[in-house]
Each structure stands twice: as structure tokens, then as C-alpha cells.
């Protein structure tokens, strides 16, 4: 649910081409050197060592390394909203170094999926992440200046770094050349029932609604009153709601640490708590479209090669379907937009704000969305793609 999209991953995994280092150094000394090589070493303010209770859980559940396979280790990392991470491990002499390298490569891929589509800056860190090895030492480097970290690692052992090897996750394709869709099932993708809210809006009677649904309806009515005019076309109404949701709410960053709010996947989270995850964005947009009598379809699918649950929307305009992913469009804040002075910068950020607005199904497939292709209408038209006038 919180992990999304593979467009063109090129993770840099650096493997040493030489033998063991001349001397063995304390991991704390190595970690200090690696952090000091970075422009902002203070971002690595958290630390885990074998003496910490969470160390073993991180080793086994995140890195997929058996505790008996690692002789010693130290992990430096930032907050749950940041990808910054430096991990150093000393392996037993009998250990398979390549196995440890591959495990950490897999972790980078998983971590990239955590942030892709939600946090572009953090995704950029992961796209240049590296795994470095020397003798019994293996290092995970997720940092702002990977080259500097690699050089610092090499300097610690007085050796020359080896060859940079690109690693691109492969995807299984069907007979049409589409990434095979399998619902990951990692998250509860049960769609919130908004039927009562729609009926109450149309009848003007909300007595039968729960207190939560009354709050949802109240915010919907206020939003519609603020941004919708009777003379608007369906396209203009759709665009106004899309932009209002992005301006009103933020992605629930707690989802990166599996601590999203209890209403993050339904309209209450987006409209009242003003934060949510993809299913919350999609159900909220779907609700607004129903209230405005715009035919819509909510798509529960996947992303990142069908490894992560995801949800988005489709709308019918002038008899043609279009795809909309409000979640992935909510990557920058309205304040960032308003701070842009140069027209070119404004246009670039404005485009980012509408990158997934009224796009085709083919665009969605190319931007790593997967779904039951036979059960969802195919969107092929571009008339109402952004911008449209």
C-alpha cells in the first residue's frame, strides 16, 4: 500500500574487485568515516548495534540476514520519513560474502518501493544507493553523496573500489507484454462504503448517517461550495477536486513505518484528519465524483511489479475513460508551488502536480501500475489530459 512504482530503477551496487583489506577496523570508526563523508552527517542520528533490542529484528526482517551469519554490525539511519541509511557488517570468515551483498541489494529494492511515488527526494537517494564490500566487511550506503561514501570506504581499507554493476529488477510479462498482475494482499484494500453519504447529499437528510459519515459529508459540502460552480464542465469540476484534495491533505508519512492513522484508507482520514494513503485518496476522489454526478470507477490494483497494493481512479468524460492517480500527484506541496518565481520552474512543478491526471491506461502501465486488465475499461483518449482548455 505504501510502496509504489518502478519506472527506470538503476541501483548502483559496487562490489570490490580486490581481496581482503590490509587491517580490520572497528565498525564504529568505519561508520564515523562514512557519515563524515556526507554533506549532512547529522541526518544519521539514529544508531543500532548488537546491544540494542531492535538490531536483530532489523537484521532479520529488513535485511534478511540471519543473526548467526553476522559477527558484528552497526546501523546508522534517519527518521522514518527519510531513506538515509548506512549499515556496516563484519561477516565470519566462513560466510558467503556474495549472499550478504545480494540480501542488501534486495533491501535497497524493497526500500525504493517504500518511497517511490510518494517522496521523490528520498527515492532519488535510493536510486543511487550502493553496496560495497571488502574482505569480511559489507556496507550498505544510502546517502546524498554515494561517490564520497564509496571513496571513504575504500580509503579505510586502502584499496580501489571495483566495478559499478547496474541491477534492474525483472518483471514477469503476460502475452500482451503487460506486467503480470497479482494482488499483493499486503494491505487491507476493503473499499469504504460511501453509498449512504451520497444518498444523504442528494436528499439533504443526514439523520441516518454515523457521526463519522456526517463529518465526511460536511467537509465534502464545504469543499464543493468553495471550488465548484454550476457553469463548470465535468472536466473543470474534476480538476478542481483533484487540486483541492492535494492542497487539503497530505500523504500519511506514518505509513512508511507501518504506523498510518486508523482512517488513512478512507475519506475520513483525507477529509477530517487531512492525511491518508492511496486507498484514502482514491475513495475520497471517487466520493466527490459521485456527488458531482461524474461517472467514475475506483481501481484497486498494485504497483512495483505487483509487489505493493495500490488504488487509483478512472473518470468518464464525453464517453471516454481517463485514469487519475491523486496519490502520486500529491508529491509536492502547494507552498512549494507558490514559492516559485520563474515561469519555467512553476510550469515544471505544475506538471508534476498533474503528472497522473487524466492519463491513458498505457501511461499507467508504463509508470508501473498493475491491475486486472480485463475487468477495467481501457483508457485510450488524450483529449482531457492535463492541461486541457
Protein backbone atom coordinates (compact mmCIF):
# COMPACT_ATOMS: atom_id res chain seq x y z
CA UNK A 1 0.00 0.00 0.00
CA UNK A 2 2.71 2.45 0.90
CA UNK A 3 5.17 1.25 -1.72
CA UNK A 4 4.88 2.23 -5.34
CA UNK A 5 6.14 2.35 -8.90
CA UNK A 6 9.08 1.18 -10.86
CA UNK A 7 9.79 3.40 -13.84
CA UNK A 8 13.52 3.00 -14.52
CA UNK A 9 15.44 1.81 -11.46
CA UNK A 10 19.20 1.86 -11.77
CA UNK A 11 20.54 0.95 -8.32
CA UNK A 12 24.29 1.12 -8.16
CA UNK A 13 25.77 -1.86 -6.39
CA UNK A 14 29.53 -1.63 -6.02
CA UNK A 15 31.44 -4.84 -5.46
CA UNK A 16 35.10 -4.86 -4.55
CA UNK A 17 37.37 -6.47 -7.13
CA UNK A 18 40.22 -6.96 -4.70
CA UNK A 19 40.97 -9.22 -1.77
CA UNK A 20 40.78 -8.69 1.96
CA UNK A 21 41.70 -5.31 3.48
CA UNK A 22 45.10 -4.97 5.00
CA UNK A 23 43.74 -4.35 8.52
CA UNK A 24 40.45 -4.83 10.31
CA UNK A 25 38.96 -1.68 11.76
CA UNK A 26 36.27 -1.09 14.42
CA UNK A 27 32.86 -0.72 12.82
CA UNK A 28 32.23 2.46 14.79
CA UNK A 29 35.33 4.01 13.17
CA UNK A 30 34.17 2.98 9.70
CA UNK A 31 30.65 4.29 10.30
CA UNK A 32 32.01 7.61 11.54
CA UNK A 33 34.17 7.96 8.41
CA UNK A 34 31.27 7.15 6.09
CA UNK A 35 28.89 9.58 7.80
CA UNK A 36 31.56 12.29 7.86
CA UNK A 37 31.93 11.97 4.07
CA UNK A 38 28.39 13.26 3.62
CA UNK A 39 27.28 16.90 3.23
CA UNK A 40 24.89 16.50 6.18
CA UNK A 41 26.25 13.79 8.51
CA UNK A 42 23.73 14.77 11.16
CA UNK A 43 20.92 13.06 9.23
CA UNK A 44 22.24 9.73 10.55
CA UNK A 45 21.16 10.48 14.12
CA UNK A 46 19.79 7.02 14.97
CA UNK A 47 22.07 4.09 15.71
CA UNK A 48 21.59 0.37 16.24
CA UNK A 49 24.23 -2.09 17.45
CA UNK A 50 24.02 -5.73 18.59
CA UNK A 51 23.35 -4.46 22.10
CA UNK A 52 20.04 -2.89 21.01
CA UNK A 53 16.83 -4.92 21.09
CA UNK A 54 15.79 -3.75 17.61
CA UNK A 55 19.09 -4.69 15.98
CA UNK A 56 18.25 -8.36 15.49
CA UNK A 57 14.77 -7.54 14.18
CA UNK A 58 16.24 -5.10 11.66
CA UNK A 59 18.85 -7.64 10.61
CA UNK A 60 16.39 -10.46 10.04
CA UNK A 61 13.18 -8.70 8.98
CA UNK A 62 14.62 -5.86 6.88
CA UNK A 63 17.97 -7.10 5.59
CA UNK A 64 17.05 -10.81 5.63
CA UNK A 65 20.37 -11.68 7.25
CA UNK A 66 20.47 -14.39 9.90
CA UNK A 67 21.90 -13.15 13.20
CA UNK A 68 24.32 -16.09 13.23
CA UNK A 69 25.56 -15.04 9.79
CA UNK A 70 26.83 -11.65 11.03
CA UNK A 71 29.67 -11.35 13.52
CA UNK A 72 29.19 -7.66 14.26
CA UNK A 73 27.28 -4.71 12.87
CA UNK A 74 26.31 -1.07 13.20
CA UNK A 75 23.36 0.69 11.55
CA UNK A 76 23.01 4.48 11.22
CA UNK A 77 19.71 5.88 9.92
CA UNK A 78 17.43 8.89 9.80
CA UNK A 79 13.76 9.27 10.62
CA UNK A 80 11.01 7.01 9.28
CA UNK A 81 10.25 9.65 6.64
CA UNK A 82 13.82 9.59 5.32
CA UNK A 83 15.75 6.95 3.42
CA UNK A 84 19.19 7.89 4.78
CA UNK A 85 20.92 4.74 6.00
CA UNK A 86 24.46 3.44 6.46
CA UNK A 87 24.89 -0.13 7.65
CA UNK A 88 28.19 -1.94 8.19
CA UNK A 89 28.59 -5.64 8.90
CA UNK A 90 31.55 -7.83 9.74
CA UNK A 91 30.97 -11.37 8.48
CA UNK A 92 32.51 -14.60 9.78
CA UNK A 93 35.46 -15.84 7.74
CA UNK A 94 33.36 -18.77 6.51
CA UNK A 95 30.43 -16.59 5.37
CA UNK A 96 29.36 -16.22 1.76
CA UNK A 97 30.00 -12.54 1.12
CA UNK A 98 28.01 -12.53 -2.11
CA UNK A 99 24.94 -13.76 -0.25
CA UNK A 100 25.13 -10.80 2.12
CA UNK A 101 25.63 -8.39 -0.78
CA UNK A 102 22.58 -9.76 -2.58
CA UNK A 103 20.48 -9.53 0.60
CA UNK A 104 21.36 -5.84 0.96
CA UNK A 105 20.67 -5.26 -2.73
CA UNK A 106 17.23 -6.73 -2.17
CA UNK A 107 16.73 -4.39 0.77
CA UNK A 108 17.52 -1.37 -1.43
CA UNK A 109 14.92 -2.54 -3.93
CA UNK A 110 12.33 -3.00 -1.17
CA UNK A 111 13.17 0.37 0.36
CA UNK A 112 12.87 2.06 -3.03
CA UNK A 113 9.37 0.66 -3.27
CA UNK A 114 8.59 2.19 0.13
CA UNK A 115 9.13 5.69 -1.18
CA UNK A 116 8.52 5.60 -4.92
CA UNK A 117 5.55 7.75 -5.90
CA UNK A 118 5.37 9.45 -2.51
CA UNK A 119 8.73 11.02 -1.76
CA UNK A 120 10.76 11.86 -4.89
CA UNK A 121 13.76 13.19 -2.97
CA UNK A 122 14.07 10.04 -0.90
CA UNK A 123 13.55 7.89 -3.98
CA UNK A 124 16.47 9.71 -5.63
CA UNK A 125 18.72 8.68 -2.73
CA UNK A 126 17.76 5.06 -3.21
CA UNK A 127 18.25 5.17 -6.97
CA UNK A 128 21.93 5.90 -6.36
CA UNK A 129 22.29 3.59 -3.34
CA UNK A 130 25.22 1.20 -3.22
CA UNK A 131 26.50 -1.92 -1.55
CA UNK A 132 30.27 -2.00 -1.01
CA UNK A 133 32.35 -4.96 0.14
CA UNK A 134 35.93 -5.53 1.18
CA UNK A 135 37.19 -8.71 2.76
CA UNK A 136 34.83 -9.62 5.60
CA UNK A 137 33.18 -6.20 5.54
CA UNK A 138 29.95 -5.32 3.74
CA UNK A 139 28.47 -1.80 3.71
CA UNK A 140 25.02 -0.51 2.75
CA UNK A 141 25.22 3.10 1.54
CA UNK A 142 22.03 5.13 1.14
CA UNK A 143 23.24 8.68 1.19
CA UNK A 144 23.30 12.03 -0.58
CA UNK A 145 26.81 11.60 -1.99
CA UNK A 146 27.32 7.94 -2.81
CA UNK A 147 30.65 8.55 -4.55
CA UNK A 148 32.05 10.19 -1.43
CA UNK A 149 30.83 7.34 0.76
CA UNK A 150 32.38 4.75 -1.56
CA UNK A 151 35.65 6.65 -1.57
CA UNK A 152 35.61 6.88 2.23
CA UNK A 153 35.01 3.14 2.49
CA UNK A 154 37.89 2.41 0.11
CA UNK A 155 40.18 4.79 1.98
CA UNK A 156 39.52 2.92 5.23
CA UNK A 157 40.95 -0.23 3.65
CA UNK A 158 43.43 1.33 1.25
CA UNK A 159 42.00 -0.36 -1.84
CA UNK A 160 40.45 0.69 -5.14
CA UNK A 161 36.70 0.25 -5.49
CA UNK A 162 35.57 -2.26 -8.06
CA UNK A 163 33.15 -2.17 -10.95
CA UNK A 164 29.76 -0.49 -10.75
CA UNK A 165 27.10 -3.02 -11.67
CA UNK A 166 23.58 -1.84 -12.52
CA UNK A 167 20.82 -4.07 -11.19
CA UNK A 168 17.35 -3.82 -12.68
CA UNK A 169 14.54 -5.84 -11.11
CA UNK A 170 12.91 -8.05 -13.70
CA UNK A 171 9.18 -8.33 -14.22
CA UNK A 172 7.06 -11.20 -15.49
CA UNK A 173 5.11 -10.19 -18.60
CA UNK A 174 1.86 -11.61 -20.00
CA UNK A 175 1.03 -12.35 -23.63
CA UNK A 176 0.27 -8.64 -24.22
CA UNK A 177 3.60 -7.52 -22.83
CA UNK A 178 1.98 -6.16 -19.65
CA UNK A 179 3.47 -6.77 -16.22
CA UNK A 180 1.56 -9.72 -14.79
CA UNK A 181 -0.93 -8.57 -12.15
CA UNK A 182 -1.24 -10.40 -8.87
CA UNK A 183 -2.92 -8.67 -5.96
CA UNK A 184 -0.17 -8.43 -3.33
CA UNK A 185 -2.62 -8.62 -0.40
CA UNK A 186 -0.19 -6.94 1.98
CA UNK A 187 -2.72 -4.28 2.97
CA UNK A 188 -6.44 -4.30 3.67
CA UNK A 189 -7.88 -2.93 0.44
CA UNK A 190 -11.52 -3.07 1.52
CA UNK A 191 -13.25 -0.07 -0.04
CA UNK A 192 -15.11 2.23 2.34
CA UNK A 193 -18.88 2.27 1.74
CA UNK A 194 -19.85 5.81 0.75
CA UNK A 195 -23.33 4.94 -0.53
CA UNK A 196 -25.09 6.44 2.49
CA UNK A 197 -23.12 9.66 2.18
CA UNK A 198 -24.07 10.04 -1.49
CA UNK A 199 -27.74 9.42 -0.68
CA UNK A 200 -27.68 11.93 2.16
CA UNK A 201 -26.08 14.57 -0.06
CA UNK A 202 -28.73 14.15 -2.72
CA UNK A 203 -31.67 14.04 -0.31
CA UNK A 204 -30.42 16.66 2.13
CA UNK A 205 -31.16 14.28 5.03
CA UNK A 206 -28.21 13.03 7.06
CA UNK A 207 -30.00 11.67 10.15
CA UNK A 208 -29.27 8.06 9.18
CA UNK A 209 -25.53 8.65 8.89
CA UNK A 210 -22.97 7.75 11.53
CA UNK A 211 -21.15 10.65 13.17
CA UNK A 212 -18.08 9.82 11.11
CA UNK A 213 -20.01 9.90 7.85
CA UNK A 214 -21.66 13.16 8.87
CA UNK A 215 -18.21 14.69 9.27
CA UNK A 216 -17.17 13.36 5.86
CA UNK A 217 -20.29 14.83 4.27
CA UNK A 218 -19.78 18.17 5.99
CA UNK A 219 -16.27 18.61 4.59
CA UNK A 220 -17.40 17.47 1.14
CA UNK A 221 -20.17 20.06 1.10
CA UNK A 222 -17.76 22.79 2.19
CA UNK A 223 -15.24 21.83 -0.49
CA UNK A 224 -17.85 21.71 -3.24
CA UNK A 225 -19.20 25.08 -2.15
CA UNK A 226 -15.68 26.54 -2.23
CA UNK A 227 -14.37 25.25 -5.58
CA UNK A 228 -17.31 24.14 -7.73
CA UNK A 229 -19.52 26.42 -9.83
CA UNK A 230 -22.64 25.43 -11.71
CA UNK A 231 -21.24 26.61 -15.04
CA UNK A 232 -18.21 24.30 -14.83
CA UNK A 233 -17.76 21.40 -17.22
CA UNK A 234 -17.21 17.93 -15.79
CA UNK A 235 -13.52 18.25 -16.65
CA UNK A 236 -13.25 21.53 -14.76
CA UNK A 237 -15.05 20.06 -11.76
CA UNK A 238 -12.79 17.01 -11.78
CA UNK A 239 -9.66 19.18 -11.97
CA UNK A 240 -10.89 21.44 -9.18
CA UNK A 241 -11.50 18.48 -6.85
CA UNK A 242 -8.17 16.86 -7.77
CA UNK A 243 -6.32 20.06 -6.90
CA UNK A 244 -8.39 20.68 -3.77
CA UNK A 245 -7.58 17.23 -2.36
CA UNK A 246 -3.86 17.75 -2.97
CA UNK A 247 -3.98 21.17 -1.36
CA UNK A 248 -6.13 19.99 1.55
CA UNK A 249 -4.45 16.73 2.59
CA UNK A 250 -1.02 15.13 2.76
CA UNK A 251 0.20 11.60 2.39
CA UNK A 252 0.32 9.90 5.79
CA UNK A 253 4.09 9.50 6.23
CA UNK A 254 3.50 7.19 9.16
CA UNK A 255 2.73 4.55 6.55
CA UNK A 256 6.46 4.27 5.84
CA UNK A 257 6.85 2.85 9.34
CA UNK A 258 3.56 0.91 9.20
CA UNK A 259 2.01 3.48 11.55
CA UNK A 260 -0.61 5.10 9.33
CA UNK A 261 -3.69 6.56 11.01
CA UNK A 262 -6.64 4.24 11.55
CA UNK A 263 -8.67 6.16 8.92
CA UNK A 264 -5.82 6.58 6.43
CA UNK A 265 -7.51 4.33 3.88
CA UNK A 266 -10.93 6.02 3.89
CA UNK A 267 -12.34 9.51 3.22
CA UNK A 268 -12.41 10.45 6.91
CA UNK A 269 -8.62 10.34 7.01
CA UNK A 270 -8.25 12.60 3.97
CA UNK A 271 -11.12 14.98 4.73
CA UNK A 272 -11.07 15.29 8.53
CA UNK A 273 -7.61 14.14 9.64
CA UNK A 274 -6.24 15.67 6.44
CA UNK A 275 -3.87 12.78 5.79
CA UNK A 276 -4.17 9.34 4.27
CA UNK A 277 -2.72 6.69 1.99
CA UNK A 278 -3.59 5.66 -1.56
CA UNK A 279 -6.91 3.98 -0.83
CA UNK A 280 -7.94 7.04 1.19
CA UNK A 281 -7.11 9.37 -1.70
CA UNK A 282 -8.87 7.12 -4.22
CA UNK A 283 -12.07 6.66 -2.18
CA UNK A 284 -12.23 10.38 -1.45
CA UNK A 285 -11.87 11.32 -5.12
CA UNK A 286 -14.41 8.64 -6.02
CA UNK A 287 -16.86 10.05 -3.47
CA UNK A 288 -16.54 13.58 -4.86
CA UNK A 289 -17.11 12.35 -8.41
CA UNK A 290 -20.29 10.58 -7.31
CA UNK A 291 -21.53 13.69 -5.53
CA UNK A 292 -20.91 15.71 -8.71
CA UNK A 293 -22.62 13.09 -10.93
CA UNK A 294 -19.42 12.31 -12.84
CA UNK A 295 -19.21 8.64 -13.74
CA UNK A 296 -16.23 7.09 -12.02
CA UNK A 297 -14.58 3.79 -11.25
CA UNK A 298 -12.24 3.04 -8.37
CA UNK A 299 -9.39 0.71 -9.33
CA UNK A 300 -7.81 -1.49 -6.67
CA UNK A 301 -4.60 -2.80 -8.15
CA UNK A 302 -0.90 -2.85 -7.48
CA UNK A 303 2.45 -1.29 -8.31
CA UNK A 304 6.17 -2.08 -8.20
CA UNK A 305 5.81 -5.23 -10.29
CA UNK A 306 2.66 -6.29 -8.41
CA UNK A 307 4.53 -6.35 -5.12
CA UNK A 308 2.63 -3.49 -3.45
CA UNK A 309 -1.10 -2.78 -3.11
CA UNK A 310 -2.27 0.45 -4.72
CA UNK A 311 -5.50 2.22 -5.68
CA UNK A 312 -6.44 4.99 -8.09
CA UNK A 313 -9.42 6.20 -10.14
CA UNK A 314 -10.94 6.43 -13.59
CA UNK A 315 -13.45 9.02 -14.84
CA UNK A 316 -15.74 9.05 -17.87
CA UNK A 317 -15.71 12.31 -19.83
CA UNK A 318 -17.61 12.66 -23.11
CA UNK A 319 -17.89 8.89 -23.37
CA UNK A 320 -14.16 8.18 -22.89
CA UNK A 321 -12.34 6.84 -19.83
CA UNK A 322 -9.31 8.54 -18.26
CA UNK A 323 -7.04 7.42 -15.41
CA UNK A 324 -6.30 9.58 -12.36
CA UNK A 325 -3.84 8.86 -9.54
CA UNK A 326 -4.28 11.63 -6.99
CA UNK A 327 -1.88 9.98 -4.54
CA UNK A 328 1.07 10.05 -6.89
CA UNK A 329 0.26 13.60 -7.91
CA UNK A 330 0.49 14.69 -4.27
CA UNK A 331 4.30 14.73 -4.24
CA UNK A 332 4.84 18.43 -3.69
CA UNK A 333 3.06 20.95 -1.51
CA UNK A 334 1.05 23.96 -2.56
CA UNK A 335 3.53 26.13 -0.66
CA UNK A 336 6.31 24.84 -2.89
CA UNK A 337 4.28 25.83 -5.93
CA UNK A 338 3.53 29.31 -4.60
CA UNK A 339 7.21 29.94 -3.86
CA UNK A 340 8.25 29.52 -7.49
CA UNK A 341 9.15 32.81 -9.15
CA UNK A 342 10.43 31.72 -12.53
CA UNK A 343 7.75 30.73 -15.02
CA UNK A 344 9.69 27.69 -16.17
CA UNK A 345 10.05 26.40 -12.62
CA UNK A 346 6.36 26.97 -11.97
CA UNK A 347 5.42 25.08 -15.12
CA UNK A 348 7.67 22.17 -14.18
CA UNK A 349 6.16 21.85 -10.72
CA UNK A 350 2.64 22.38 -12.06
CA UNK A 351 3.23 19.49 -14.44
CA UNK A 352 4.44 17.32 -11.55
CA UNK A 353 1.22 18.16 -9.73
CA UNK A 354 -0.80 16.74 -12.66
CA UNK A 355 1.50 14.03 -13.98
CA UNK A 356 -1.14 11.33 -13.38
CA UNK A 357 -4.22 13.40 -14.19
CA UNK A 358 -6.42 12.04 -17.00
CA UNK A 359 -3.77 9.79 -18.49
CA UNK A 360 -4.16 6.67 -20.60
CA UNK A 361 -4.04 3.08 -19.41
CA UNK A 362 -0.81 2.64 -21.37
CA UNK A 363 0.75 5.52 -19.43
CA UNK A 364 -0.29 3.86 -16.19
CA UNK A 365 1.25 0.56 -17.26
CA UNK A 366 4.49 2.32 -18.22
CA UNK A 367 4.55 4.08 -14.85
CA UNK A 368 4.34 0.76 -13.00
CA UNK A 369 0.63 0.37 -12.25
CA UNK A 370 -0.85 -3.14 -12.47
CA UNK A 371 -4.48 -4.22 -12.29
CA UNK A 372 -6.94 -6.81 -13.59
CA UNK A 373 -6.66 -5.60 -17.18
CA UNK A 374 -9.78 -7.43 -18.36
CA UNK A 375 -12.01 -6.06 -15.58
CA UNK A 376 -11.24 -2.35 -16.04
CA UNK A 377 -12.08 -0.13 -19.03
CA UNK A 378 -9.14 0.73 -21.26
CA UNK A 379 -8.37 4.45 -21.28
CA UNK A 380 -7.03 5.49 -24.67
CA UNK A 381 -8.16 9.08 -25.24
CA UNK A 382 -5.97 12.13 -24.56
CA UNK A 383 -8.44 14.96 -25.15
CA UNK A 384 -8.81 15.74 -21.46
CA UNK A 385 -5.22 15.09 -20.46
CA UNK A 386 -3.69 17.96 -18.49
CA UNK A 387 -3.63 20.73 -19.47
CA UNK A 388 -6.86 20.97 -21.39
CA UNK A 389 -8.62 24.19 -22.39
